[in-house]
Amino acid sequence: MAINTLNSGSAFVWKRDTDAAASSSIKRLNIQGGLYAPLGFGANSLGVVCVDSTHSSVQFSGDHLSDFVSMAKVLSVSVCAAKENH
């Protein structure tokens, strides 16, 4: 999922029952769903932030994703600022 996020540059909600091609780590950790968002600011690509769940009843929504993307943007700015100060 992290590679998909980096390649697309977009945040998304993922649910295991909609993706039969789950990676070996997702299967091993029994991850059932998650929120994924790129970290970056301007031309700086920093990585990916994610929140996932092992509960089969997990229901991440568009509202969850919107809040998560807002948090990722704040985190991105903070990390870039910290990097510039070192």
PDB file of N, CA and C in Angstrom:
ATOM      1  N   MET A   1       0.809  -1.185   0.000  1.00  0.00           N
ATOM      2  CA  MET A   1       0.000   0.000   0.000  1.00  0.00           C
ATOM      3  C   MET A   1       0.864   1.266   0.000  1.00  0.00           C
ATOM      4  N   ALA A   2       1.980   1.214   0.712  1.00  0.00           N
ATOM      5  CA  ALA A   2       2.864   2.384   0.760  1.00  0.00           C
ATOM      6  C   ALA A   2       3.396   2.711  -0.631  1.00  0.00           C
ATOM      7  N   ILE A   3       3.786   1.694  -1.378  1.00  0.00           N
ATOM      8  CA  ILE A   3       4.299   1.924  -2.732  1.00  0.00           C
ATOM      9  C   ILE A   3       3.205   2.505  -3.617  1.00  0.00           C
ATOM     10  N   ASN A   4       1.984   2.006  -3.483  1.00  0.00           N
ATOM     11  CA  ASN A   4       0.864   2.562  -4.250  1.00  0.00           C
ATOM     12  C   ASN A   4       0.669   4.036  -3.921  1.00  0.00           C
ATOM     13  N   THR A   5       0.799   4.379  -2.651  1.00  0.00           N
ATOM     14  CA  THR A   5       0.636   5.765  -2.223  1.00  0.00           C
ATOM     15  C   THR A   5       1.728   6.644  -2.811  1.00  0.00           C
ATOM     16  N   LEU A   6       2.970   6.174  -2.752  1.00  0.00           N
ATOM     17  CA  LEU A   6       4.081   6.942  -3.320  1.00  0.00           C
ATOM     18  C   LEU A   6       3.920   7.116  -4.822  1.00  0.00           C
ATOM     19  N   ASN A   7       3.548   6.042  -5.508  1.00  0.00           N
ATOM     20  CA  ASN A   7       3.406   6.102  -6.966  1.00  0.00           C
ATOM     21  C   ASN A   7       2.275   7.016  -7.403  1.00  0.00           C
ATOM     22  N   SER A   8       1.169   6.984  -6.683  1.00  0.00           N
ATOM     23  CA  SER A   8       0.013   7.792  -7.081  1.00  0.00           C
ATOM     24  C   SER A   8       0.080   9.215  -6.537  1.00  0.00           C
ATOM     25  N   GLY A   9       0.781   9.387  -5.412  1.00  0.00           N
ATOM     26  CA  GLY A   9       0.824  10.696  -4.768  1.00  0.00           C
ATOM     27  C   GLY A   9      -0.508  11.090  -4.157  1.00  0.00           C
ATOM     28  N   SER A  10      -1.386  10.103  -3.993  1.00  0.00           N
ATOM     29  CA  SER A  10      -2.730  10.375  -3.490  1.00  0.00           C
ATOM     30  C   SER A  10      -3.036   9.563  -2.240  1.00  0.00           C
ATOM     31  N   ALA A  11      -3.873  10.135  -1.406  1.00  0.00           N
ATOM     32  CA  ALA A  11      -4.342   9.435  -0.208  1.00  0.00           C
ATOM     33  C   ALA A  11      -5.535   8.564  -0.579  1.00  0.00           C
ATOM     34  N   PHE A  12      -5.719   7.487   0.184  1.00  0.00           N
ATOM     35  CA  PHE A  12      -6.866   6.624  -0.088  1.00  0.00           C
ATOM     36  C   PHE A  12      -7.212   5.775   1.126  1.00  0.00           C
ATOM     37  N   VAL A  13      -8.435   5.254   1.092  1.00  0.00           N
ATOM     38  CA  VAL A  13      -8.918   4.279   2.067  1.00  0.00           C
ATOM     39  C   VAL A  13      -8.796   2.921   1.403  1.00  0.00           C
ATOM     40  N   TRP A  14      -8.262   1.964   2.138  1.00  0.00           N
ATOM     41  CA  TRP A  14      -8.130   0.605   1.609  1.00  0.00           C
ATOM     42  C   TRP A  14      -8.870  -0.367   2.513  1.00  0.00           C
ATOM     43  N   LYS A  15      -9.591  -1.301   1.916  1.00  0.00           N
ATOM     44  CA  LYS A  15     -10.283  -2.356   2.663  1.00  0.00           C
ATOM     45  C   LYS A  15      -9.900  -3.684   2.038  1.00  0.00           C
ATOM     46  N   ARG A  16      -9.504  -4.612   2.869  1.00  0.00           N
ATOM     47  CA  ARG A  16      -8.979  -5.889   2.382  1.00  0.00           C
ATOM     48  C   ARG A  16      -9.951  -6.644   1.494  1.00  0.00           C
ATOM     49  N   ASP A  17     -11.217  -6.628   1.800  1.00  0.00           N
ATOM     50  CA  ASP A  17     -12.163  -7.400   0.996  1.00  0.00           C
ATOM     51  C   ASP A  17     -12.329  -6.864  -0.418  1.00  0.00           C
ATOM     52  N   THR A  18     -11.780  -5.678  -0.676  1.00  0.00           N
ATOM     53  CA  THR A  18     -11.851  -5.127  -2.029  1.00  0.00           C
ATOM     54  C   THR A  18     -10.554  -5.335  -2.795  1.00  0.00           C
ATOM     55  N   ASP A  19      -9.558  -5.988  -2.194  1.00  0.00           N
ATOM     56  CA  ASP A  19      -8.258  -6.170  -2.835  1.00  0.00           C
ATOM     57  C   ASP A  19      -7.743  -7.580  -2.570  1.00  0.00           C
ATOM     58  N   ALA A  20      -7.996  -8.464  -3.514  1.00  0.00           N
ATOM     59  CA  ALA A  20      -7.568  -9.857  -3.354  1.00  0.00           C
ATOM     60  C   ALA A  20      -6.051 -10.003  -3.432  1.00  0.00           C
ATOM     61  N   ALA A  21      -5.367  -9.014  -3.995  1.00  0.00           N
ATOM     62  CA  ALA A  21      -3.918  -9.091  -4.186  1.00  0.00           C
ATOM     63  C   ALA A  21      -3.162  -8.411  -3.044  1.00  0.00           C
ATOM     64  N   ALA A  22      -3.581  -8.636  -1.826  1.00  0.00           N
ATOM     65  CA  ALA A  22      -2.917  -8.038  -0.667  1.00  0.00           C
ATOM     66  C   ALA A  22      -1.490  -8.564  -0.551  1.00  0.00           C
ATOM     67  N   SER A  23      -0.589  -7.703  -0.113  1.00  0.00           N
ATOM     68  CA  SER A  23       0.820  -8.084   0.017  1.00  0.00           C
ATOM     69  C   SER A  23       1.010  -9.116   1.123  1.00  0.00           C
ATOM     70  N   SER A  24       2.167  -9.735   1.114  1.00  0.00           N
ATOM     71  CA  SER A  24       2.456 -10.755   2.127  1.00  0.00           C
ATOM     72  C   SER A  24       2.472 -10.159   3.534  1.00  0.00           C
ATOM     73  N   SER A  25       2.954  -8.918   3.684  1.00  0.00           N
ATOM     74  CA  SER A  25       2.978  -8.312   5.021  1.00  0.00           C
ATOM     75  C   SER A  25       1.563  -8.007   5.512  1.00  0.00           C
ATOM     76  N   ILE A  26       0.687  -7.598   4.624  1.00  0.00           N
ATOM     77  CA  ILE A  26      -0.702  -7.341   5.009  1.00  0.00           C
ATOM     78  C   ILE A  26      -1.365  -8.645   5.445  1.00  0.00           C
ATOM     79  N   LYS A  27      -1.096  -9.708   4.710  1.00  0.00           N
ATOM     80  CA  LYS A  27      -1.657 -11.014   5.078  1.00  0.00           C
ATOM     81  C   LYS A  27      -1.075 -11.500   6.404  1.00  0.00           C
ATOM     82  N   ARG A  28       0.242 -11.384   6.567  1.00  0.00           N
ATOM     83  CA  ARG A  28       0.908 -11.853   7.783  1.00  0.00           C
ATOM     84  C   ARG A  28       0.422 -11.103   9.021  1.00  0.00           C
ATOM     85  N   LEU A  29       0.212  -9.808   8.889  1.00  0.00           N
ATOM     86  CA  LEU A  29      -0.218  -8.978  10.015  1.00  0.00           C
ATOM     87  C   LEU A  29      -1.741  -8.927  10.157  1.00  0.00           C
ATOM     88  N   ASN A  30      -2.435  -9.575   9.242  1.00  0.00           N
ATOM     89  CA  ASN A  30      -3.898  -9.645   9.256  1.00  0.00           C
ATOM     90  C   ASN A  30      -4.548  -8.259   9.202  1.00  0.00           C
ATOM     91  N   ILE A  31      -3.984  -7.367   8.413  1.00  0.00           N
ATOM     92  CA  ILE A  31      -4.529  -6.017   8.272  1.00  0.00           C
ATOM     93  C   ILE A  31      -5.796  -6.087   7.425  1.00  0.00           C
ATOM     94  N   GLN A  32      -6.863  -5.494   7.933  1.00  0.00           N
ATOM     95  CA  GLN A  32      -8.169  -5.554   7.274  1.00  0.00           C
ATOM     96  C   GLN A  32      -8.540  -4.261   6.550  1.00  0.00           C
ATOM     97  N   GLY A  33      -7.930  -3.159   6.941  1.00  0.00           N
ATOM     98  CA  GLY A  33      -8.238  -1.889   6.309  1.00  0.00           C
ATOM     99  C   GLY A  33      -7.294  -0.818   6.796  1.00  0.00           C
ATOM    100  N   GLY A  34      -7.223   0.268   6.036  1.00  0.00           N
ATOM    101  CA  GLY A  34      -6.328   1.334   6.453  1.00  0.00           C
ATOM    102  C   GLY A  34      -6.539   2.632   5.709  1.00  0.00           C
ATOM    103  N   LEU A  35      -5.900   3.654   6.231  1.00  0.00           N
ATOM    104  CA  LEU A  35      -5.832   4.974   5.618  1.00  0.00           C
ATOM    105  C   LEU A  35      -4.383   5.204   5.237  1.00  0.00           C
ATOM    106  N   TYR A  36      -4.143   5.684   4.028  1.00  0.00           N
ATOM    107  CA  TYR A  36      -2.787   5.902   3.534  1.00  0.00           C
ATOM    108  C   TYR A  36      -2.709   7.286   2.912  1.00  0.00           C
ATOM    109  N   ALA A  37      -1.639   8.025   3.230  1.00  0.00           N
ATOM    110  CA  ALA A  37      -1.462   9.368   2.685  1.00  0.00           C
ATOM    111  C   ALA A  37       0.019   9.640   2.467  1.00  0.00           C
ATOM    112  N   PRO A  38       0.336  10.325   1.360  1.00  0.00           N
ATOM    113  CA  PRO A  38       1.738  10.681   1.128  1.00  0.00           C
ATOM    114  C   PRO A  38       2.169  11.798   2.072  1.00  0.00           C
ATOM    115  N   LEU A  39       3.437  11.775   2.441  1.00  0.00           N
ATOM    116  CA  LEU A  39       4.035  12.863   3.205  1.00  0.00           C
ATOM    117  C   LEU A  39       4.934  13.629   2.253  1.00  0.00           C
ATOM    118  N   GLY A  40       4.738  14.909   2.197  1.00  0.00           N
ATOM    119  CA  GLY A  40       5.579  15.726   1.346  1.00  0.00           C
ATOM    120  C   GLY A  40       5.153  17.171   1.426  1.00  0.00           C
ATOM    121  N   PHE A  41       6.074  18.039   1.033  1.00  0.00           N
ATOM    122  CA  PHE A  41       5.794  19.465   1.046  1.00  0.00           C
ATOM    123  C   PHE A  41       6.542  20.081  -0.117  1.00  0.00           C
ATOM    124  N   GLY A  42       5.810  20.725  -1.018  1.00  0.00           N
ATOM    125  CA  GLY A  42       6.451  21.257  -2.211  1.00  0.00           C
ATOM    126  C   GLY A  42       7.031  20.114  -3.026  1.00  0.00           C
ATOM    127  N   ALA A  43       8.301  20.246  -3.383  1.00  0.00           N
ATOM    128  CA  ALA A  43       8.976  19.204  -4.163  1.00  0.00           C
ATOM    129  C   ALA A  43       9.567  18.112  -3.281  1.00  0.00           C
ATOM    130  N   ASN A  44       9.433  18.250  -1.971  1.00  0.00           N
ATOM    131  CA  ASN A  44      10.010  17.274  -1.040  1.00  0.00           C
ATOM    132  C   ASN A  44       9.057  16.114  -0.795  1.00  0.00           C
ATOM    133  N   SER A  45       9.437  14.930  -1.256  1.00  0.00           N
ATOM    134  CA  SER A  45       8.682  13.718  -0.959  1.00  0.00           C
ATOM    135  C   SER A  45       9.346  13.055   0.236  1.00  0.00           C
ATOM    136  N   LEU A  46       8.593  12.874   1.309  1.00  0.00           N
ATOM    137  CA  LEU A  46       9.156  12.362   2.557  1.00  0.00           C
ATOM    138  C   LEU A  46       8.825  10.903   2.819  1.00  0.00           C
ATOM    139  N   GLY A  47       7.724  10.425   2.285  1.00  0.00           N
ATOM    140  CA  GLY A  47       7.313   9.049   2.538  1.00  0.00           C
ATOM    141  C   GLY A  47       5.812   8.931   2.627  1.00  0.00           C
ATOM    142  N   VAL A  48       5.367   8.004   3.452  1.00  0.00           N
ATOM    143  CA  VAL A  48       3.943   7.690   3.582  1.00  0.00           C
ATOM    144  C   VAL A  48       3.600   7.557   5.059  1.00  0.00           C
ATOM    145  N   VAL A  49       2.420   8.006   5.419  1.00  0.00           N
ATOM    146  CA  VAL A  49       1.895   7.777   6.760  1.00  0.00           C
ATOM    147  C   VAL A  49       0.636   6.919   6.607  1.00  0.00           C
ATOM    148  N   CYS A  50       0.488   5.970   7.528  1.00  0.00           N
ATOM    149  CA  CYS A  50      -0.693   5.106   7.443  1.00  0.00           C
ATOM    150  C   CYS A  50      -1.214   4.769   8.831  1.00  0.00           C
ATOM    151  N   VAL A  51      -2.479   4.455   8.860  1.00  0.00           N
ATOM    152  CA  VAL A  51      -3.148   3.919  10.038  1.00  0.00           C
ATOM    153  C   VAL A  51      -3.888   2.696   9.539  1.00  0.00           C
ATOM    154  N   ASP A  52      -3.691   1.570  10.214  1.00  0.00           N
ATOM    155  CA  ASP A  52      -4.403   0.376   9.776  1.00  0.00           C
ATOM    156  C   ASP A  52      -5.041  -0.334  10.955  1.00  0.00           C
ATOM    157  N   SER A  53      -5.879  -1.302  10.619  1.00  0.00           N
ATOM    158  CA  SER A  53      -6.623  -2.030  11.643  1.00  0.00           C
ATOM    159  C   SER A  53      -6.670  -3.513  11.301  1.00  0.00           C
ATOM    160  N   THR A  54      -6.643  -4.323  12.341  1.00  0.00           N
ATOM    161  CA  THR A  54      -6.786  -5.767  12.163  1.00  0.00           C
ATOM    162  C   THR A  54      -8.223  -6.230  12.405  1.00  0.00           C
ATOM    163  N   HIS A  55      -9.114  -5.313  12.699  1.00  0.00           N
ATOM    164  CA  HIS A  55     -10.517  -5.654  12.950  1.00  0.00           C
ATOM    165  C   HIS A  55     -11.275  -5.752  11.627  1.00  0.00           C
ATOM    166  N   SER A  56     -11.930  -6.862  11.392  1.00  0.00           N
ATOM    167  CA  SER A  56     -12.647  -7.063  10.131  1.00  0.00           C
ATOM    168  C   SER A  56     -13.836  -6.119   9.981  1.00  0.00           C
ATOM    169  N   SER A  57     -14.308  -5.561  11.069  1.00  0.00           N
ATOM    170  CA  SER A  57     -15.454  -4.652  11.008  1.00  0.00           C
ATOM    171  C   SER A  57     -15.046  -3.196  10.773  1.00  0.00           C
ATOM    172  N   VAL A  58     -13.766  -2.943  10.564  1.00  0.00           N
ATOM    173  CA  VAL A  58     -13.298  -1.566  10.379  1.00  0.00           C
ATOM    174  C   VAL A  58     -14.021  -0.926   9.185  1.00  0.00           C
ATOM    175  N   GLN A  59     -14.443   0.318   9.373  1.00  0.00           N
ATOM    176  CA  GLN A  59     -15.147   1.054   8.328  1.00  0.00           C
ATOM    177  C   GLN A  59     -14.588   2.473   8.254  1.00  0.00           C
ATOM    178  N   PHE A  60     -13.417   2.635   7.643  1.00  0.00           N
ATOM    179  CA  PHE A  60     -12.875   3.979   7.462  1.00  0.00           C
ATOM    180  C   PHE A  60     -13.717   4.694   6.407  1.00  0.00           C
ATOM    181  N   SER A  61     -14.029   5.951   6.668  1.00  0.00           N
ATOM    182  CA  SER A  61     -14.906   6.715   5.783  1.00  0.00           C
ATOM    183  C   SER A  61     -14.143   7.835   5.081  1.00  0.00           C
ATOM    184  N   GLY A  62     -14.844   8.509   4.197  1.00  0.00           N
ATOM    185  CA  GLY A  62     -14.289   9.686   3.548  1.00  0.00           C
ATOM    186  C   GLY A  62     -13.954  10.777   4.547  1.00  0.00           C
ATOM    187  N   ASP A  63     -14.759  10.898   5.594  1.00  0.00           N
ATOM    188  CA  ASP A  63     -14.470  11.874   6.652  1.00  0.00           C
ATOM    189  C   ASP A  63     -13.186  11.511   7.394  1.00  0.00           C
ATOM    190  N   HIS A  64     -13.002  10.220   7.673  1.00  0.00           N
ATOM    191  CA  HIS A  64     -11.752   9.778   8.299  1.00  0.00           C
ATOM    192  C   HIS A  64     -10.568  10.145   7.408  1.00  0.00           C
ATOM    193  N   LEU A  65     -10.713   9.886   6.114  1.00  0.00           N
ATOM    194  CA  LEU A  65      -9.623  10.171   5.183  1.00  0.00           C
ATOM    195  C   LEU A  65      -9.326  11.662   5.125  1.00  0.00           C
ATOM    196  N   SER A  66     -10.359  12.480   5.098  1.00  0.00           N
ATOM    197  CA  SER A  66     -10.171  13.930   5.062  1.00  0.00           C
ATOM    198  C   SER A  66      -9.400  14.420   6.286  1.00  0.00           C
ATOM    199  N   ASP A  67      -9.784  13.949   7.459  1.00  0.00           N
ATOM    200  CA  ASP A  67      -9.070  14.318   8.688  1.00  0.00           C
ATOM    201  C   ASP A  67      -7.635  13.802   8.662  1.00  0.00           C
ATOM    202  N   PHE A  68      -7.452  12.593   8.156  1.00  0.00           N
ATOM    203  CA  PHE A  68      -6.125  11.983   8.092  1.00  0.00           C
ATOM    204  C   PHE A  68      -5.213  12.763   7.142  1.00  0.00           C
ATOM    205  N   VAL A  69      -5.743  13.191   6.003  1.00  0.00           N
ATOM    206  CA  VAL A  69      -4.959  13.983   5.052  1.00  0.00           C
ATOM    207  C   VAL A  69      -4.570  15.320   5.674  1.00  0.00           C
ATOM    208  N   SER A  70      -5.477  15.940   6.410  1.00  0.00           N
ATOM    209  CA  SER A  70      -5.147  17.200   7.100  1.00  0.00           C
ATOM    210  C   SER A  70      -4.001  16.995   8.073  1.00  0.00           C
ATOM    211  N   MET A  71      -4.047  15.911   8.827  1.00  0.00           N
ATOM    212  CA  MET A  71      -2.969  15.594   9.764  1.00  0.00           C
ATOM    213  C   MET A  71      -1.660  15.346   9.014  1.00  0.00           C
ATOM    214  N   ALA A  72      -1.726  14.637   7.894  1.00  0.00           N
ATOM    215  CA  ALA A  72      -0.525  14.340   7.113  1.00  0.00           C
ATOM    216  C   ALA A  72       0.111  15.622   6.572  1.00  0.00           C
ATOM    217  N   LYS A  73      -0.711  16.580   6.174  1.00  0.00           N
ATOM    218  CA  LYS A  73      -0.183  17.856   5.674  1.00  0.00           C
ATOM    219  C   LYS A  73       0.546  18.616   6.778  1.00  0.00           C
ATOM    220  N   VAL A  74      -0.036  18.663   7.968  1.00  0.00           N
ATOM    221  CA  VAL A  74       0.615  19.334   9.103  1.00  0.00           C
ATOM    222  C   VAL A  74       1.917  18.618   9.449  1.00  0.00           C
ATOM    223  N   LEU A  75       1.877  17.303   9.479  1.00  0.00           N
ATOM    224  CA  LEU A  75       3.074  16.516   9.767  1.00  0.00           C
ATOM    225  C   LEU A  75       4.160  16.764   8.722  1.00  0.00           C
ATOM    226  N   SER A  76       3.778  16.848   7.456  1.00  0.00           N
ATOM    227  CA  SER A  76       4.742  17.096   6.384  1.00  0.00           C
ATOM    228  C   SER A  76       5.456  18.430   6.564  1.00  0.00           C
ATOM    229  N   VAL A  77       4.692  19.467   6.851  1.00  0.00           N
ATOM    230  CA  VAL A  77       5.278  20.795   7.060  1.00  0.00           C
ATOM    231  C   VAL A  77       6.215  20.767   8.261  1.00  0.00           C
ATOM    232  N   SER A  78       5.804  20.106   9.329  1.00  0.00           N
ATOM    233  CA  SER A  78       6.626  20.026  10.538  1.00  0.00           C
ATOM    234  C   SER A  78       7.939  19.293  10.284  1.00  0.00           C
ATOM    235  N   VAL A  79       7.876  18.185   9.562  1.00  0.00           N
ATOM    236  CA  VAL A  79       9.093  17.424   9.263  1.00  0.00           C
ATOM    237  C   VAL A  79      10.021  18.236   8.366  1.00  0.00           C
ATOM    238  N   CYS A  80       9.475  18.891   7.350  1.00  0.00           N
ATOM    239  CA  CYS A  80      10.312  19.716   6.467  1.00  0.00           C
ATOM    240  C   CYS A  80      10.965  20.859   7.235  1.00  0.00           C
ATOM    241  N   ALA A  81      10.218  21.498   8.122  1.00  0.00           N
ATOM    242  CA  ALA A  81      10.776  22.590   8.924  1.00  0.00           C
ATOM    243  C   ALA A  81      11.881  22.075   9.834  1.00  0.00           C
ATOM    244  N   ALA A  82      11.678  20.920  10.429  1.00  0.00           N
ATOM    245  CA  ALA A  82      12.703  20.346  11.308  1.00  0.00           C
ATOM    246  C   ALA A  82      13.961  19.992  10.525  1.00  0.00           C
ATOM    247  N   LYS A  83      13.790  19.488   9.313  1.00  0.00           N
ATOM    248  CA  LYS A  83      14.951  19.144   8.480  1.00  0.00           C
ATOM    249  C   LYS A  83      15.753  20.391   8.116  1.00  0.00           C
ATOM    250  N   GLU A  84      15.049  21.504   7.852  1.00  0.00           N
ATOM    251  CA  GLU A  84      15.729  22.747   7.490  1.00  0.00           C
ATOM    252  C   GLU A  84      16.496  23.337   8.662  1.00  0.00           C
ATOM    253  N   ASN A  85      16.050  23.073   9.873  1.00  0.00           N
ATOM    254  CA  ASN A  85      16.696  23.621  11.064  1.00  0.00           C
ATOM    255  C   ASN A  85      17.882  22.797  11.535  1.00  0.00           C
ATOM    256  N   HIS A  86      18.169  21.692  10.871  1.00  0.00           N
ATOM    257  CA  HIS A  86      19.301  20.853  11.275  1.00  0.00           C
ATOM    258  C   HIS A  86      20.386  20.882  10.254  1.00  0.00           C
TER     259      HIS A  86
END
